[in-house]
Amino acid sequence: LVFYGAVIFSWGVDAVLETEVFPRKKIQRGVRDSIKRLLHYCILLIGL
């Protein structure tokens, strides 16, 4: 459940960044994908 919670939390962070943070900062698409991917792997590693 802890690891599954980390996966769900990663998806939530991804959604918040995509809908709330990135549009306001006007960050390029390539930078967005890099930040989301790195955060995703970091959260999964901490959860594991």
ModelCIF file with pLDDT and N, C-alpha, C, O atoms, coordinates in Angstrom:
data_MODEL
#
_entry.id   MODEL 
#
_entity.id                         1 
_entity.type                       polymer 
_entity.pdbx_number_of_molecules   1 
#
_entity_poly.entity_id                      1 
_entity_poly.type                           'polypeptide(L)' 
_entity_poly.nstd_linkage                   no 
_entity_poly.nstd_monomer                   no 
_entity_poly.pdbx_seq_one_letter_code       LVFYGAVIFSWGVDAVLETEVFPRKKIQRGVRDSIKRLLHYCILLIGL 
_entity_poly.pdbx_seq_one_letter_code_can   LVFYGAVIFSWGVDAVLETEVFPRKKIQRGVRDSIKRLLHYCILLIGL 
_entity_poly.pdbx_strand_id                 A 
#
loop_
_entity_poly_seq.entity_id 
_entity_poly_seq.num 
_entity_poly_seq.mon_id 
_entity_poly_seq.hetero 
1 1  LEU n 
1 2  VAL n 
1 3  PHE n 
1 4  TYR n 
1 5  GLY n 
1 6  ALA n 
1 7  VAL n 
1 8  ILE n 
1 9  PHE n 
1 10 SER n 
1 11 TRP n 
1 12 GLY n 
1 13 VAL n 
1 14 ASP n 
1 15 ALA n 
1 16 VAL n 
1 17 LEU n 
1 18 GLU n 
1 19 THR n 
1 20 GLU n 
1 21 VAL n 
1 22 PHE n 
1 23 PRO n 
1 24 ARG n 
1 25 LYS n 
1 26 LYS n 
1 27 ILE n 
1 28 GLN n 
1 29 ARG n 
1 30 GLY n 
1 31 VAL n 
1 32 ARG n 
1 33 ASP n 
1 34 SER n 
1 35 ILE n 
1 36 LYS n 
1 37 ARG n 
1 38 LEU n 
1 39 LEU n 
1 40 HIS n 
1 41 TYR n 
1 42 CYS n 
1 43 ILE n 
1 44 LEU n 
1 45 LEU n 
1 46 ILE n 
1 47 GLY n 
1 48 LEU n 
#
_struct_asym.id          A 
_struct_asym.entity_id   1 
#
loop_
_ma_qa_metric.id 
_ma_qa_metric.mode 
_ma_qa_metric.name 
_ma_qa_metric.software_group_id 
_ma_qa_metric.type 
1 global pLDDT . pLDDT 
2 local  pLDDT . pLDDT 
#
_ma_qa_metric_global.metric_id      1 
_ma_qa_metric_global.metric_value   82.90 
_ma_qa_metric_global.model_id       1 
_ma_qa_metric_global.ordinal_id     1 
#
loop_
_ma_qa_metric_local.label_asym_id 
_ma_qa_metric_local.label_comp_id 
_ma_qa_metric_local.label_seq_id 
_ma_qa_metric_local.metric_id 
_ma_qa_metric_local.metric_value 
_ma_qa_metric_local.model_id 
_ma_qa_metric_local.ordinal_id 
A LEU 1  2 90.00 1 1  
A VAL 2  2 88.00 1 2  
A PHE 3  2 88.00 1 3  
A TYR 4  2 91.00 1 4  
A GLY 5  2 91.00 1 5  
A ALA 6  2 90.00 1 6  
A VAL 7  2 90.00 1 7  
A ILE 8  2 92.00 1 8  
A PHE 9  2 92.00 1 9  
A SER 10 2 90.00 1 10 
A TRP 11 2 90.00 1 11 
A GLY 12 2 90.00 1 12 
A VAL 13 2 89.00 1 13 
A ASP 14 2 87.00 1 14 
A ALA 15 2 87.00 1 15 
A VAL 16 2 87.00 1 16 
A LEU 17 2 85.00 1 17 
A GLU 18 2 84.00 1 18 
A THR 19 2 84.00 1 19 
A GLU 20 2 82.00 1 20 
A VAL 21 2 81.00 1 21 
A PHE 22 2 79.00 1 22 
A PRO 23 2 79.00 1 23 
A ARG 24 2 78.00 1 24 
A LYS 25 2 73.00 1 25 
A LYS 26 2 71.00 1 26 
A ILE 27 2 70.00 1 27 
A GLN 28 2 67.00 1 28 
A ARG 29 2 68.00 1 29 
A GLY 30 2 63.00 1 30 
A VAL 31 2 69.00 1 31 
A ARG 32 2 75.00 1 32 
A ASP 33 2 74.00 1 33 
A SER 34 2 72.00 1 34 
A ILE 35 2 80.00 1 35 
A LYS 36 2 82.00 1 36 
A ARG 37 2 79.00 1 37 
A LEU 38 2 81.00 1 38 
A LEU 39 2 87.00 1 39 
A HIS 40 2 87.00 1 40 
A TYR 41 2 83.00 1 41 
A CYS 42 2 88.00 1 42 
A ILE 43 2 90.00 1 43 
A LEU 44 2 88.00 1 44 
A LEU 45 2 86.00 1 45 
A ILE 46 2 89.00 1 46 
A GLY 47 2 88.00 1 47 
A LEU 48 2 85.00 1 48 
#
loop_
_atom_site.group_PDB 
_atom_site.id 
_atom_site.type_symbol 
_atom_site.label_atom_id 
_atom_site.label_alt_id 
_atom_site.label_comp_id 
_atom_site.label_asym_id 
_atom_site.label_entity_id 
_atom_site.label_seq_id 
_atom_site.pdbx_PDB_ins_code 
_atom_site.Cartn_x 
_atom_site.Cartn_y 
_atom_site.Cartn_z 
_atom_site.occupancy 
_atom_site.B_iso_or_equiv 
_atom_site.pdbx_formal_charge 
_atom_site.auth_seq_id 
_atom_site.auth_comp_id 
_atom_site.auth_asym_id 
_atom_site.auth_atom_id 
_atom_site.pdbx_PDB_model_num 
ATOM 1   N N  . LEU A 1 1  ? 0.826  -1.211 0.000   1.00 90.00 ? 1  LEU A N  1 
ATOM 2   C CA . LEU A 1 1  ? 0.000  0.000  0.000   1.00 90.00 ? 1  LEU A CA 1 
ATOM 3   C C  . LEU A 1 1  ? 0.855  1.254  0.000   1.00 90.00 ? 1  LEU A C  1 
ATOM 4   O O  . LEU A 1 1  ? 0.509  2.243  -0.646  1.00 90.00 ? 1  LEU A O  1 
ATOM 5   N N  . VAL A 1 2  ? 1.971  1.221  0.722   1.00 88.00 ? 2  VAL A N  1 
ATOM 6   C CA . VAL A 1 2  ? 2.873  2.386  0.733   1.00 88.00 ? 2  VAL A CA 1 
ATOM 7   C C  . VAL A 1 2  ? 3.428  2.649  -0.663  1.00 88.00 ? 2  VAL A C  1 
ATOM 8   O O  . VAL A 1 2  ? 3.451  3.791  -1.123  1.00 88.00 ? 2  VAL A O  1 
ATOM 9   N N  . PHE A 1 3  ? 3.876  1.589  -1.335  1.00 88.00 ? 3  PHE A N  1 
ATOM 10  C CA . PHE A 1 3  ? 4.424  1.783  -2.683  1.00 88.00 ? 3  PHE A CA 1 
ATOM 11  C C  . PHE A 1 3  ? 3.332  2.225  -3.657  1.00 88.00 ? 3  PHE A C  1 
ATOM 12  O O  . PHE A 1 3  ? 3.568  3.083  -4.508  1.00 88.00 ? 3  PHE A O  1 
ATOM 13  N N  . TYR A 1 4  ? 2.142  1.642  -3.532  1.00 91.00 ? 4  TYR A N  1 
ATOM 14  C CA . TYR A 1 4  ? 1.030  2.054  -4.394  1.00 91.00 ? 4  TYR A CA 1 
ATOM 15  C C  . TYR A 1 4  ? 0.653  3.509  -4.124  1.00 91.00 ? 4  TYR A C  1 
ATOM 16  O O  . TYR A 1 4  ? 0.317  4.255  -5.044  1.00 91.00 ? 4  TYR A O  1 
ATOM 17  N N  . GLY A 1 5  ? 0.714  3.907  -2.841  1.00 91.00 ? 5  GLY A N  1 
ATOM 18  C CA . GLY A 1 5  ? 0.458  5.308  -2.517  1.00 91.00 ? 5  GLY A CA 1 
ATOM 19  C C  . GLY A 1 5  ? 1.471  6.241  -3.154  1.00 91.00 ? 5  GLY A C  1 
ATOM 20  O O  . GLY A 1 5  ? 1.128  7.346  -3.572  1.00 91.00 ? 5  GLY A O  1 
ATOM 21  N N  . ALA A 1 6  ? 2.732  5.793  -3.230  1.00 90.00 ? 6  ALA A N  1 
ATOM 22  C CA . ALA A 1 6  ? 3.753  6.611  -3.897  1.00 90.00 ? 6  ALA A CA 1 
ATOM 23  C C  . ALA A 1 6  ? 3.428  6.779  -5.382  1.00 90.00 ? 6  ALA A C  1 
ATOM 24  O O  . ALA A 1 6  ? 3.622  7.855  -5.947  1.00 90.00 ? 6  ALA A O  1 
ATOM 25  N N  . VAL A 1 7  ? 2.930  5.705  -6.013  1.00 90.00 ? 7  VAL A N  1 
ATOM 26  C CA . VAL A 1 7  ? 2.560  5.787  -7.427  1.00 90.00 ? 7  VAL A CA 1 
ATOM 27  C C  . VAL A 1 7  ? 1.406  6.777  -7.618  1.00 90.00 ? 7  VAL A C  1 
ATOM 28  O O  . VAL A 1 7  ? 1.443  7.612  -8.521  1.00 90.00 ? 7  VAL A O  1 
ATOM 29  N N  . ILE A 1 8  ? 0.376  6.678  -6.760  1.00 92.00 ? 8  ILE A N  1 
ATOM 30  C CA . ILE A 1 8  ? -0.767 7.593  -6.851  1.00 92.00 ? 8  ILE A CA 1 
ATOM 31  C C  . ILE A 1 8  ? -0.322 9.031  -6.602  1.00 92.00 ? 8  ILE A C  1 
ATOM 32  O O  . ILE A 1 8  ? -0.750 9.953  -7.296  1.00 92.00 ? 8  ILE A O  1 
ATOM 33  N N  . PHE A 1 9  ? 0.541  9.211  -5.605  1.00 92.00 ? 9  PHE A N  1 
ATOM 34  C CA . PHE A 1 9  ? 1.034  10.561 -5.301  1.00 92.00 ? 9  PHE A CA 1 
ATOM 35  C C  . PHE A 1 9  ? 1.810  11.131 -6.489  1.00 92.00 ? 9  PHE A C  1 
ATOM 36  O O  . PHE A 1 9  ? 1.702  12.320 -6.788  1.00 92.00 ? 9  PHE A O  1 
ATOM 37  N N  . SER A 1 10 ? 2.587  10.292 -7.164  1.00 90.00 ? 10 SER A N  1 
ATOM 38  C CA . SER A 1 10 ? 3.331  10.743 -8.344  1.00 90.00 ? 10 SER A CA 1 
ATOM 39  C C  . SER A 1 10 ? 2.382  11.206 -9.441  1.00 90.00 ? 10 SER A C  1 
ATOM 40  O O  . SER A 1 10 ? 2.618  12.237 -10.071 1.00 90.00 ? 10 SER A O  1 
ATOM 41  N N  . TRP A 1 11 ? 1.308  10.448 -9.675  1.00 90.00 ? 11 TRP A N  1 
ATOM 42  C CA . TRP A 1 11 ? 0.312  10.868 -10.674 1.00 90.00 ? 11 TRP A CA 1 
ATOM 43  C C  . TRP A 1 11 ? -0.339 12.194 -10.285 1.00 90.00 ? 11 TRP A C  1 
ATOM 44  O O  . TRP A 1 11 ? -0.581 13.045 -11.140 1.00 90.00 ? 11 TRP A O  1 
ATOM 45  N N  . GLY A 1 12 ? -0.619 12.365 -8.995  1.00 90.00 ? 12 GLY A N  1 
ATOM 46  C CA . GLY A 1 12 ? -1.219 13.615 -8.539  1.00 90.00 ? 12 GLY A CA 1 
ATOM 47  C C  . GLY A 1 12 ? -0.305 14.806 -8.749  1.00 90.00 ? 12 GLY A C  1 
ATOM 48  O O  . GLY A 1 12 ? -0.742 15.866 -9.198  1.00 90.00 ? 12 GLY A O  1 
ATOM 49  N N  . VAL A 1 13 ? 0.989  14.624 -8.416  1.00 89.00 ? 13 VAL A N  1 
ATOM 50  C CA . VAL A 1 13 ? 1.955  15.703 -8.637  1.00 89.00 ? 13 VAL A CA 1 
ATOM 51  C C  . VAL A 1 13 ? 2.041  16.042 -10.115 1.00 89.00 ? 13 VAL A C  1 
ATOM 52  O O  . VAL A 1 13 ? 2.112  17.214 -10.483 1.00 89.00 ? 13 VAL A O  1 
ATOM 53  N N  . ASP A 1 14 ? 2.036  15.022 -10.960 1.00 87.00 ? 14 ASP A N  1 
ATOM 54  C CA . ASP A 1 14 ? 2.070  15.230 -12.411 1.00 87.00 ? 14 ASP A CA 1 
ATOM 55  C C  . ASP A 1 14 ? 0.875  16.063 -12.867 1.00 87.00 ? 14 ASP A C  1 
ATOM 56  O O  . ASP A 1 14 ? 1.030  16.996 -13.654 1.00 87.00 ? 14 ASP A O  1 
ATOM 57  N N  . ALA A 1 15 ? -0.323 15.723 -12.371 1.00 87.00 ? 15 ALA A N  1 
ATOM 58  C CA . ALA A 1 15 ? -1.530 16.449 -12.776 1.00 87.00 ? 15 ALA A CA 1 
ATOM 59  C C  . ALA A 1 15 ? -1.507 17.896 -12.298 1.00 87.00 ? 15 ALA A C  1 
ATOM 60  O O  . ALA A 1 15 ? -1.905 18.796 -13.037 1.00 87.00 ? 15 ALA A O  1 
ATOM 61  N N  . VAL A 1 16 ? -1.045 18.132 -11.063 1.00 87.00 ? 16 VAL A N  1 
ATOM 62  C CA . VAL A 1 16 ? -0.981 19.495 -10.533 1.00 87.00 ? 16 VAL A CA 1 
ATOM 63  C C  . VAL A 1 16 ? 0.001  20.339 -11.328 1.00 87.00 ? 16 VAL A C  1 
ATOM 64  O O  . VAL A 1 16 ? -0.285 21.492 -11.654 1.00 87.00 ? 16 VAL A O  1 
ATOM 65  N N  . LEU A 1 17 ? 1.162  19.764 -11.640 1.00 85.00 ? 17 LEU A N  1 
ATOM 66  C CA . LEU A 1 17 ? 2.149  20.508 -12.420 1.00 85.00 ? 17 LEU A CA 1 
ATOM 67  C C  . LEU A 1 17 ? 1.612  20.861 -13.803 1.00 85.00 ? 17 LEU A C  1 
ATOM 68  O O  . LEU A 1 17 ? 1.818  21.970 -14.294 1.00 85.00 ? 17 LEU A O  1 
ATOM 69  N N  . GLU A 1 18 ? 0.921  19.906 -14.425 1.00 84.00 ? 18 GLU A N  1 
ATOM 70  C CA . GLU A 1 18 ? 0.451  20.110 -15.792 1.00 84.00 ? 18 GLU A CA 1 
ATOM 71  C C  . GLU A 1 18 ? -0.696 21.114 -15.864 1.00 84.00 ? 18 GLU A C  1 
ATOM 72  O O  . GLU A 1 18 ? -0.813 21.836 -16.854 1.00 84.00 ? 18 GLU A O  1 
ATOM 73  N N  . THR A 1 19 ? -1.540 21.175 -14.845 1.00 84.00 ? 19 THR A N  1 
ATOM 74  C CA . THR A 1 19 ? -2.725 22.040 -14.904 1.00 84.00 ? 19 THR A CA 1 
ATOM 75  C C  . THR A 1 19 ? -2.555 23.368 -14.176 1.00 84.00 ? 19 THR A C  1 
ATOM 76  O O  . THR A 1 19 ? -3.190 24.358 -14.541 1.00 84.00 ? 19 THR A O  1 
ATOM 77  N N  . GLU A 1 20 ? -1.703 23.402 -13.148 1.00 82.00 ? 20 GLU A N  1 
ATOM 78  C CA . GLU A 1 20 ? -1.609 24.600 -12.321 1.00 82.00 ? 20 GLU A CA 1 
ATOM 79  C C  . GLU A 1 20 ? -0.281 25.343 -12.440 1.00 82.00 ? 20 GLU A C  1 
ATOM 80  O O  . GLU A 1 20 ? -0.263 26.572 -12.507 1.00 82.00 ? 20 GLU A O  1 
ATOM 81  N N  . VAL A 1 21 ? 0.815  24.616 -12.468 1.00 81.00 ? 21 VAL A N  1 
ATOM 82  C CA . VAL A 1 21 ? 2.135  25.256 -12.392 1.00 81.00 ? 21 VAL A CA 1 
ATOM 83  C C  . VAL A 1 21 ? 2.676  25.627 -13.764 1.00 81.00 ? 21 VAL A C  1 
ATOM 84  O O  . VAL A 1 21 ? 3.021  26.785 -14.001 1.00 81.00 ? 21 VAL A O  1 
ATOM 85  N N  . PHE A 1 22 ? 2.753  24.662 -14.664 1.00 79.00 ? 22 PHE A N  1 
ATOM 86  C CA . PHE A 1 22 ? 3.381  24.898 -15.954 1.00 79.00 ? 22 PHE A CA 1 
ATOM 87  C C  . PHE A 1 22 ? 2.673  25.968 -16.796 1.00 79.00 ? 22 PHE A C  1 
ATOM 88  O O  . PHE A 1 22 ? 3.354  26.796 -17.400 1.00 79.00 ? 22 PHE A O  1 
ATOM 89  N N  . PRO A 1 23 ? 1.330  25.984 -16.859 1.00 79.00 ? 23 PRO A N  1 
ATOM 90  C CA . PRO A 1 23 ? 0.693  27.037 -17.664 1.00 79.00 ? 23 PRO A CA 1 
ATOM 91  C C  . PRO A 1 23 ? 1.003  28.452 -17.177 1.00 79.00 ? 23 PRO A C  1 
ATOM 92  O O  . PRO A 1 23 ? 1.114  29.374 -17.985 1.00 79.00 ? 23 PRO A O  1 
ATOM 93  N N  . ARG A 1 24 ? 1.143  28.630 -15.865 1.00 78.00 ? 24 ARG A N  1 
ATOM 94  C CA . ARG A 1 24 ? 1.441  29.967 -15.341 1.00 78.00 ? 24 ARG A CA 1 
ATOM 95  C C  . ARG A 1 24 ? 2.873  30.382 -15.629 1.00 78.00 ? 24 ARG A C  1 
ATOM 96  O O  . ARG A 1 24 ? 3.145  31.549 -15.910 1.00 78.00 ? 24 ARG A O  1 
ATOM 97  N N  . LYS A 1 25 ? 3.785  29.426 -15.557 1.00 73.00 ? 25 LYS A N  1 
ATOM 98  C CA . LYS A 1 25 ? 5.199  29.732 -15.778 1.00 73.00 ? 25 LYS A CA 1 
ATOM 99  C C  . LYS A 1 25 ? 5.583  29.757 -17.254 1.00 73.00 ? 25 LYS A C  1 
ATOM 100 O O  . LYS A 1 25 ? 6.674  30.207 -17.605 1.00 73.00 ? 25 LYS A O  1 
ATOM 101 N N  . LYS A 1 26 ? 4.696  29.277 -18.115 1.00 71.00 ? 26 LYS A N  1 
ATOM 102 C CA . LYS A 1 26 ? 4.947  29.222 -19.559 1.00 71.00 ? 26 LYS A CA 1 
ATOM 103 C C  . LYS A 1 26 ? 6.243  28.475 -19.866 1.00 71.00 ? 26 LYS A C  1 
ATOM 104 O O  . LYS A 1 26 ? 7.093  28.953 -20.617 1.00 71.00 ? 26 LYS A O  1 
ATOM 105 N N  . ILE A 1 27 ? 6.370  27.290 -19.264 1.00 70.00 ? 27 ILE A N  1 
ATOM 106 C CA . ILE A 1 27 ? 7.554  26.464 -19.458 1.00 70.00 ? 27 ILE A CA 1 
ATOM 107 C C  . ILE A 1 27 ? 7.405  25.655 -20.742 1.00 70.00 ? 27 ILE A C  1 
ATOM 108 O O  . ILE A 1 27 ? 6.316  25.173 -21.055 1.00 70.00 ? 27 ILE A O  1 
ATOM 109 N N  . GLN A 1 28 ? 8.507  25.508 -21.487 1.00 67.00 ? 28 GLN A N  1 
ATOM 110 C CA . GLN A 1 28 ? 8.469  24.774 -22.739 1.00 67.00 ? 28 GLN A CA 1 
ATOM 111 C C  . GLN A 1 28 ? 8.120  23.314 -22.507 1.00 67.00 ? 28 GLN A C  1 
ATOM 112 O O  . GLN A 1 28 ? 8.324  22.765 -21.424 1.00 67.00 ? 28 GLN A O  1 
ATOM 113 N N  . ARG A 1 29 ? 7.583  22.699 -23.565 1.00 68.00 ? 29 ARG A N  1 
ATOM 114 C CA . ARG A 1 29 ? 7.111  21.320 -23.456 1.00 68.00 ? 29 ARG A CA 1 
ATOM 115 C C  . ARG A 1 29 ? 8.228  20.356 -23.072 1.00 68.00 ? 29 ARG A C  1 
ATOM 116 O O  . ARG A 1 29 ? 8.017  19.468 -22.245 1.00 68.00 ? 29 ARG A O  1 
ATOM 117 N N  . GLY A 1 30 ? 9.404  20.516 -23.656 1.00 63.00 ? 30 GLY A N  1 
ATOM 118 C CA . GLY A 1 30 ? 10.502 19.627 -23.337 1.00 63.00 ? 30 GLY A CA 1 
ATOM 119 C C  . GLY A 1 30 ? 10.936 19.720 -21.889 1.00 63.00 ? 30 GLY A C  1 
ATOM 120 O O  . GLY A 1 30 ? 11.250 18.704 -21.269 1.00 63.00 ? 30 GLY A O  1 
ATOM 121 N N  . VAL A 1 31 ? 10.958 20.944 -21.331 1.00 69.00 ? 31 VAL A N  1 
ATOM 122 C CA . VAL A 1 31 ? 11.320 21.127 -19.924 1.00 69.00 ? 31 VAL A CA 1 
ATOM 123 C C  . VAL A 1 31 ? 10.258 20.507 -19.031 1.00 69.00 ? 31 VAL A C  1 
ATOM 124 O O  . VAL A 1 31 ? 10.589 19.893 -18.016 1.00 69.00 ? 31 VAL A O  1 
ATOM 125 N N  . ARG A 1 32 ? 8.989  20.658 -19.390 1.00 75.00 ? 32 ARG A N  1 
ATOM 126 C CA . ARG A 1 32 ? 7.901  20.055 -18.610 1.00 75.00 ? 32 ARG A CA 1 
ATOM 127 C C  . ARG A 1 32 ? 8.084  18.546 -18.495 1.00 75.00 ? 32 ARG A C  1 
ATOM 128 O O  . ARG A 1 32 ? 8.020  17.991 -17.397 1.00 75.00 ? 32 ARG A O  1 
ATOM 129 N N  . ASP A 1 33 ? 8.308  17.890 -19.613 1.00 74.00 ? 33 ASP A N  1 
ATOM 130 C CA . ASP A 1 33 ? 8.447  16.436 -19.595 1.00 74.00 ? 33 ASP A CA 1 
ATOM 131 C C  . ASP A 1 33 ? 9.658  15.999 -18.785 1.00 74.00 ? 33 ASP A C  1 
ATOM 132 O O  . ASP A 1 33 ? 9.606  14.976 -18.102 1.00 74.00 ? 33 ASP A O  1 
ATOM 133 N N  . SER A 1 34 ? 10.741 16.754 -18.852 1.00 72.00 ? 34 SER A N  1 
ATOM 134 C CA . SER A 1 34 ? 11.942 16.405 -18.083 1.00 72.00 ? 34 SER A CA 1 
ATOM 135 C C  . SER A 1 34 ? 11.661 16.504 -16.584 1.00 72.00 ? 34 SER A C  1 
ATOM 136 O O  . SER A 1 34 ? 12.027 15.606 -15.825 1.00 72.00 ? 34 SER A O  1 
ATOM 137 N N  . ILE A 1 35 ? 11.016 17.585 -16.155 1.00 80.00 ? 35 ILE A N  1 
ATOM 138 C CA . ILE A 1 35 ? 10.723 17.768 -14.725 1.00 80.00 ? 35 ILE A CA 1 
ATOM 139 C C  . ILE A 1 35 ? 9.765  16.688 -14.235 1.00 80.00 ? 35 ILE A C  1 
ATOM 140 O O  . ILE A 1 35 ? 9.985  16.108 -13.172 1.00 80.00 ? 35 ILE A O  1 
ATOM 141 N N  . LYS A 1 36 ? 8.708  16.412 -14.992 1.00 82.00 ? 36 LYS A N  1 
ATOM 142 C CA . LYS A 1 36 ? 7.736  15.402 -14.569 1.00 82.00 ? 36 LYS A CA 1 
ATOM 143 C C  . LYS A 1 36 ? 8.368  14.016 -14.479 1.00 82.00 ? 36 LYS A C  1 
ATOM 144 O O  . LYS A 1 36 ? 8.091  13.262 -13.546 1.00 82.00 ? 36 LYS A O  1 
ATOM 145 N N  . ARG A 1 37 ? 9.203  13.687 -15.436 1.00 79.00 ? 37 ARG A N  1 
ATOM 146 C CA . ARG A 1 37 ? 9.806  12.363 -15.435 1.00 79.00 ? 37 ARG A CA 1 
ATOM 147 C C  . ARG A 1 37 ? 10.756 12.183 -14.249 1.00 79.00 ? 37 ARG A C  1 
ATOM 148 O O  . ARG A 1 37 ? 10.747 11.141 -13.593 1.00 79.00 ? 37 ARG A O  1 
ATOM 149 N N  . LEU A 1 38 ? 11.571 13.201 -13.981 1.00 81.00 ? 38 LEU A N  1 
ATOM 150 C CA . LEU A 1 38 ? 12.510 13.099 -12.860 1.00 81.00 ? 38 LEU A CA 1 
ATOM 151 C C  . LEU A 1 38 ? 11.772 13.030 -11.523 1.00 81.00 ? 38 LEU A C  1 
ATOM 152 O O  . LEU A 1 38 ? 12.141 12.235 -10.658 1.00 81.00 ? 38 LEU A O  1 
ATOM 153 N N  . LEU A 1 39 ? 10.741 13.846 -11.345 1.00 87.00 ? 39 LEU A N  1 
ATOM 154 C CA . LEU A 1 39 ? 9.958  13.784 -10.101 1.00 87.00 ? 39 LEU A CA 1 
ATOM 155 C C  . LEU A 1 39 ? 9.282  12.422 -9.942  1.00 87.00 ? 39 LEU A C  1 
ATOM 156 O O  . LEU A 1 39 ? 9.209  11.882 -8.838  1.00 87.00 ? 39 LEU A O  1 
ATOM 157 N N  . HIS A 1 40 ? 8.797  11.882 -11.040 1.00 87.00 ? 40 HIS A N  1 
ATOM 158 C CA . HIS A 1 40 ? 8.128  10.577 -10.995 1.00 87.00 ? 40 HIS A CA 1 
ATOM 159 C C  . HIS A 1 40 ? 9.084  9.500  -10.479 1.00 87.00 ? 40 HIS A C  1 
ATOM 160 O O  . HIS A 1 40 ? 8.730  8.722  -9.594  1.00 87.00 ? 40 HIS A O  1 
ATOM 161 N N  . TYR A 1 41 ? 10.294 9.461  -11.037 1.00 83.00 ? 41 TYR A N  1 
ATOM 162 C CA . TYR A 1 41 ? 11.245 8.437  -10.612 1.00 83.00 ? 41 TYR A CA 1 
ATOM 163 C C  . TYR A 1 41 ? 11.725 8.675  -9.178  1.00 83.00 ? 41 TYR A C  1 
ATOM 164 O O  . TYR A 1 41 ? 11.936 7.715  -8.437  1.00 83.00 ? 41 TYR A O  1 
ATOM 165 N N  . CYS A 1 42 ? 11.899 9.922  -8.777  1.00 88.00 ? 42 CYS A N  1 
ATOM 166 C CA . CYS A 1 42 ? 12.320 10.206 -7.396  1.00 88.00 ? 42 CYS A CA 1 
ATOM 167 C C  . CYS A 1 42 ? 11.262 9.758  -6.388  1.00 88.00 ? 42 CYS A C  1 
ATOM 168 O O  . CYS A 1 42 ? 11.593 9.160  -5.365  1.00 88.00 ? 42 CYS A O  1 
ATOM 169 N N  . ILE A 1 43 ? 9.984  10.049 -6.677  1.00 90.00 ? 43 ILE A N  1 
ATOM 170 C CA . ILE A 1 43 ? 8.902  9.655  -5.756  1.00 90.00 ? 43 ILE A CA 1 
ATOM 171 C C  . ILE A 1 43 ? 8.797  8.129  -5.684  1.00 90.00 ? 43 ILE A C  1 
ATOM 172 O O  . ILE A 1 43 ? 8.610  7.573  -4.602  1.00 90.00 ? 43 ILE A O  1 
ATOM 173 N N  . LEU A 1 44 ? 8.914  7.455  -6.823  1.00 88.00 ? 44 LEU A N  1 
ATOM 174 C CA . LEU A 1 44 ? 8.860  5.999  -6.803  1.00 88.00 ? 44 LEU A CA 1 
ATOM 175 C C  . LEU A 1 44 ? 10.037 5.403  -6.026  1.00 88.00 ? 44 LEU A C  1 
ATOM 176 O O  . LEU A 1 44 ? 9.868  4.418  -5.308  1.00 88.00 ? 44 LEU A O  1 
ATOM 177 N N  . LEU A 1 45 ? 11.221 5.991  -6.163  1.00 86.00 ? 45 LEU A N  1 
ATOM 178 C CA . LEU A 1 45 ? 12.380 5.481  -5.429  1.00 86.00 ? 45 LEU A CA 1 
ATOM 179 C C  . LEU A 1 45 ? 12.189 5.647  -3.928  1.00 86.00 ? 45 LEU A C  1 
ATOM 180 O O  . LEU A 1 45 ? 12.490 4.736  -3.156  1.00 86.00 ? 45 LEU A O  1 
ATOM 181 N N  . ILE A 1 46 ? 11.683 6.821  -3.509  1.00 89.00 ? 46 ILE A N  1 
ATOM 182 C CA . ILE A 1 46 ? 11.428 7.042  -2.082  1.00 89.00 ? 46 ILE A CA 1 
ATOM 183 C C  . ILE A 1 46 ? 10.357 6.077  -1.571  1.00 89.00 ? 46 ILE A C  1 
ATOM 184 O O  . ILE A 1 46 ? 10.489 5.524  -0.480  1.00 89.00 ? 46 ILE A O  1 
ATOM 185 N N  . GLY A 1 47 ? 9.298  5.876  -2.357  1.00 88.00 ? 47 GLY A N  1 
ATOM 186 C CA . GLY A 1 47 ? 8.251  4.938  -1.969  1.00 88.00 ? 47 GLY A CA 1 
ATOM 187 C C  . GLY A 1 47 ? 8.760  3.513  -1.860  1.00 88.00 ? 47 GLY A C  1 
ATOM 188 O O  . GLY A 1 47 ? 8.361  2.782  -0.953  1.00 88.00 ? 47 GLY A O  1 
ATOM 189 N N  . LEU A 1 48 ? 9.642  3.102  -2.777  1.00 85.00 ? 48 LEU A N  1 
ATOM 190 C CA . LEU A 1 48 ? 10.189 1.753  -2.735  1.00 85.00 ? 48 LEU A CA 1 
ATOM 191 C C  . LEU A 1 48 ? 11.059 1.549  -1.498  1.00 85.00 ? 48 LEU A C  1 
ATOM 192 O O  . LEU A 1 48 ? 11.605 0.464  -1.298  1.00 85.00 ? 48 LEU A O  1 
#
